[in-house]
Amino acid sequence: MKKHKGTFIVKVDNYQNGTWQGCVTWAEENITEHFRSSLELIKLIDEAVNSGAIYQQIPGDNVSAG
């Protein structure tokens, strides 16, 4: 069984209620999704790796170089 791999850029914007809030970008697909908890972050990454896509692309969110 071939395992999918991915590169993810995680930006933590806030730490509140004992968990992280921010956004994660799947670098290979240039798709960004916001998360409200550490668990949600893990679920987004798991979904991307297992199915090949995370839920939706946020318009205007792009991976910027430098």
N, C-alpha and C. Protein backbone atom coordinates (compact mmCIF):
# COMPACT_ATOMS: atom_id res chain seq x y z
N MET A 1 0.84 -1.18 0.00
CA MET A 1 0.00 0.00 0.00
C MET A 1 0.89 1.24 0.00
N LYS A 2 0.64 2.13 -0.95
CA LYS A 2 1.41 3.36 -1.05
C LYS A 2 0.87 4.40 -0.07
N LYS A 3 1.77 5.00 0.67
CA LYS A 3 1.36 6.04 1.63
C LYS A 3 1.58 7.40 1.00
N HIS A 4 0.59 8.27 1.18
CA HIS A 4 0.69 9.64 0.68
C HIS A 4 1.50 10.47 1.67
N LYS A 5 2.25 11.41 1.14
CA LYS A 5 3.01 12.32 1.98
C LYS A 5 2.62 13.74 1.63
N GLY A 6 2.92 14.66 2.52
CA GLY A 6 2.61 16.04 2.26
C GLY A 6 3.44 16.97 3.12
N THR A 7 3.57 18.19 2.64
CA THR A 7 4.24 19.24 3.39
C THR A 7 3.18 20.24 3.82
N PHE A 8 3.16 20.53 5.12
CA PHE A 8 2.15 21.42 5.66
C PHE A 8 2.82 22.57 6.40
N ILE A 9 2.35 23.78 6.16
CA ILE A 9 2.84 24.97 6.84
C ILE A 9 1.76 25.37 7.84
N VAL A 10 2.12 25.37 9.10
CA VAL A 10 1.16 25.69 10.16
C VAL A 10 1.48 27.06 10.72
N LYS A 11 0.48 27.93 10.73
CA LYS A 11 0.62 29.26 11.32
C LYS A 11 -0.33 29.35 12.51
N VAL A 12 0.24 29.44 13.69
CA VAL A 12 -0.57 29.57 14.91
C VAL A 12 -0.76 31.06 15.17
N ASP A 13 -2.00 31.51 15.09
CA ASP A 13 -2.33 32.92 15.29
C ASP A 13 -2.63 33.24 16.74
N ASN A 14 -3.14 32.24 17.47
CA ASN A 14 -3.60 32.51 18.82
C ASN A 14 -3.53 31.23 19.64
N TYR A 15 -3.35 31.39 20.93
CA TYR A 15 -3.42 30.28 21.88
C TYR A 15 -4.46 30.66 22.91
N GLN A 16 -5.59 29.95 22.87
CA GLN A 16 -6.70 30.30 23.75
C GLN A 16 -7.41 29.03 24.19
N ASN A 17 -7.88 29.01 25.41
CA ASN A 17 -8.60 27.85 25.96
C ASN A 17 -7.76 26.58 25.89
N GLY A 18 -6.45 26.71 26.05
CA GLY A 18 -5.58 25.55 26.09
C GLY A 18 -5.29 24.90 24.76
N THR A 19 -5.59 25.58 23.65
CA THR A 19 -5.33 24.99 22.34
C THR A 19 -4.97 26.08 21.32
N TRP A 20 -4.54 25.65 20.15
CA TRP A 20 -4.10 26.57 19.10
C TRP A 20 -5.24 26.93 18.16
N GLN A 21 -5.19 28.14 17.63
CA GLN A 21 -6.04 28.55 16.52
C GLN A 21 -5.12 29.16 15.46
N GLY A 22 -5.44 28.92 14.20
CA GLY A 22 -4.61 29.46 13.13
C GLY A 22 -5.01 28.89 11.79
N CYS A 23 -4.02 28.72 10.91
CA CYS A 23 -4.30 28.15 9.59
C CYS A 23 -3.18 27.18 9.20
N VAL A 24 -3.53 26.25 8.35
CA VAL A 24 -2.59 25.26 7.84
C VAL A 24 -2.67 25.30 6.32
N THR A 25 -1.50 25.30 5.68
CA THR A 25 -1.43 25.30 4.22
C THR A 25 -0.79 24.00 3.76
N TRP A 26 -1.46 23.33 2.86
CA TRP A 26 -0.91 22.14 2.22
C TRP A 26 -0.07 22.65 1.07
N ALA A 27 1.25 22.61 1.22
CA ALA A 27 2.19 23.26 0.30
C ALA A 27 2.08 22.73 -1.13
N GLU A 28 1.98 21.43 -1.31
CA GLU A 28 1.96 20.85 -2.67
C GLU A 28 0.72 21.29 -3.46
N GLU A 29 -0.38 21.49 -2.77
CA GLU A 29 -1.64 21.85 -3.44
C GLU A 29 -1.99 23.33 -3.29
N ASN A 30 -1.22 24.06 -2.49
CA ASN A 30 -1.47 25.48 -2.22
C ASN A 30 -2.91 25.71 -1.73
N ILE A 31 -3.33 24.87 -0.80
CA ILE A 31 -4.67 24.96 -0.21
C ILE A 31 -4.51 25.32 1.27
N THR A 32 -5.27 26.31 1.71
CA THR A 32 -5.20 26.77 3.09
C THR A 32 -6.55 26.59 3.76
N GLU A 33 -6.52 26.16 5.02
CA GLU A 33 -7.74 25.98 5.80
C GLU A 33 -7.47 26.48 7.21
N HIS A 34 -8.44 27.16 7.80
CA HIS A 34 -8.32 27.63 9.17
C HIS A 34 -8.74 26.53 10.14
N PHE A 35 -8.12 26.51 11.31
CA PHE A 35 -8.48 25.55 12.35
C PHE A 35 -8.70 26.29 13.66
N ARG A 36 -9.56 25.72 14.52
CA ARG A 36 -9.91 26.34 15.79
C ARG A 36 -9.38 25.58 17.00
N SER A 37 -8.75 24.43 16.74
CA SER A 37 -8.19 23.65 17.84
C SER A 37 -7.08 22.75 17.30
N SER A 38 -6.26 22.27 18.21
CA SER A 38 -5.18 21.36 17.81
C SER A 38 -5.76 20.09 17.21
N LEU A 39 -6.86 19.60 17.76
CA LEU A 39 -7.50 18.41 17.22
C LEU A 39 -7.99 18.64 15.80
N GLU A 40 -8.59 19.79 15.56
CA GLU A 40 -9.07 20.11 14.22
C GLU A 40 -7.89 20.19 13.24
N LEU A 41 -6.76 20.73 13.68
CA LEU A 41 -5.55 20.78 12.85
C LEU A 41 -5.12 19.37 12.45
N ILE A 42 -5.06 18.47 13.39
CA ILE A 42 -4.67 17.08 13.10
C ILE A 42 -5.66 16.43 12.15
N LYS A 43 -6.95 16.68 12.34
CA LYS A 43 -7.96 16.11 11.45
C LYS A 43 -7.81 16.63 10.03
N LEU A 44 -7.51 17.92 9.85
CA LEU A 44 -7.31 18.50 8.52
C LEU A 44 -6.12 17.86 7.82
N ILE A 45 -5.03 17.71 8.55
CA ILE A 45 -3.84 17.09 7.96
C ILE A 45 -4.11 15.63 7.61
N ASP A 46 -4.78 14.92 8.51
CA ASP A 46 -5.11 13.52 8.25
C ASP A 46 -5.99 13.39 7.02
N GLU A 47 -6.99 14.25 6.91
CA GLU A 47 -7.89 14.23 5.75
C GLU A 47 -7.11 14.49 4.45
N ALA A 48 -6.20 15.43 4.47
CA ALA A 48 -5.42 15.76 3.27
C ALA A 48 -4.54 14.58 2.86
N VAL A 49 -3.88 13.98 3.81
CA VAL A 49 -2.97 12.87 3.50
C VAL A 49 -3.74 11.64 3.04
N ASN A 50 -4.85 11.34 3.68
CA ASN A 50 -5.60 10.12 3.37
C ASN A 50 -6.46 10.22 2.12
N SER A 51 -7.03 11.38 1.86
CA SER A 51 -7.94 11.48 0.71
C SER A 51 -7.38 12.31 -0.43
N GLY A 52 -6.31 13.04 -0.16
CA GLY A 52 -5.72 13.86 -1.21
C GLY A 52 -6.25 15.28 -1.25
N ALA A 53 -7.10 15.66 -0.30
CA ALA A 53 -7.62 17.02 -0.30
C ALA A 53 -8.13 17.39 1.08
N ILE A 54 -8.00 18.67 1.44
CA ILE A 54 -8.67 19.15 2.64
C ILE A 54 -9.94 19.88 2.20
N TYR A 55 -10.75 20.24 3.13
CA TYR A 55 -12.12 20.62 2.85
C TYR A 55 -12.34 21.66 1.77
N GLN A 56 -11.70 22.81 1.88
CA GLN A 56 -11.95 23.85 0.89
C GLN A 56 -10.78 24.80 0.83
N GLN A 57 -10.62 25.44 -0.32
CA GLN A 57 -9.60 26.45 -0.45
C GLN A 57 -10.20 27.79 -0.06
N ILE A 58 -9.45 28.56 0.69
CA ILE A 58 -9.92 29.86 1.12
C ILE A 58 -9.44 30.88 0.09
N PRO A 59 -10.37 31.58 -0.57
CA PRO A 59 -9.97 32.56 -1.60
C PRO A 59 -9.00 33.58 -1.04
N GLY A 60 -7.95 33.85 -1.80
CA GLY A 60 -6.99 34.86 -1.41
C GLY A 60 -5.87 34.36 -0.52
N ASP A 61 -5.99 33.15 0.02
CA ASP A 61 -4.91 32.58 0.83
C ASP A 61 -3.96 31.81 -0.06
N ASN A 62 -2.74 32.25 -0.12
CA ASN A 62 -1.73 31.60 -0.93
C ASN A 62 -0.46 31.46 -0.12
N VAL A 63 0.37 30.50 -0.49
CA VAL A 63 1.68 30.37 0.13
C VAL A 63 2.55 31.45 -0.48
N SER A 64 3.12 32.30 0.35
CA SER A 64 3.96 33.37 -0.17
C SER A 64 5.43 33.00 0.00
N ALA A 65 6.21 33.35 -0.98
CA ALA A 65 7.65 33.09 -0.91
C ALA A 65 8.32 34.29 -0.27
N GLY A 66 8.87 34.06 0.93
CA GLY A 66 9.65 35.07 1.63
C GLY A 66 8.86 36.22 2.04
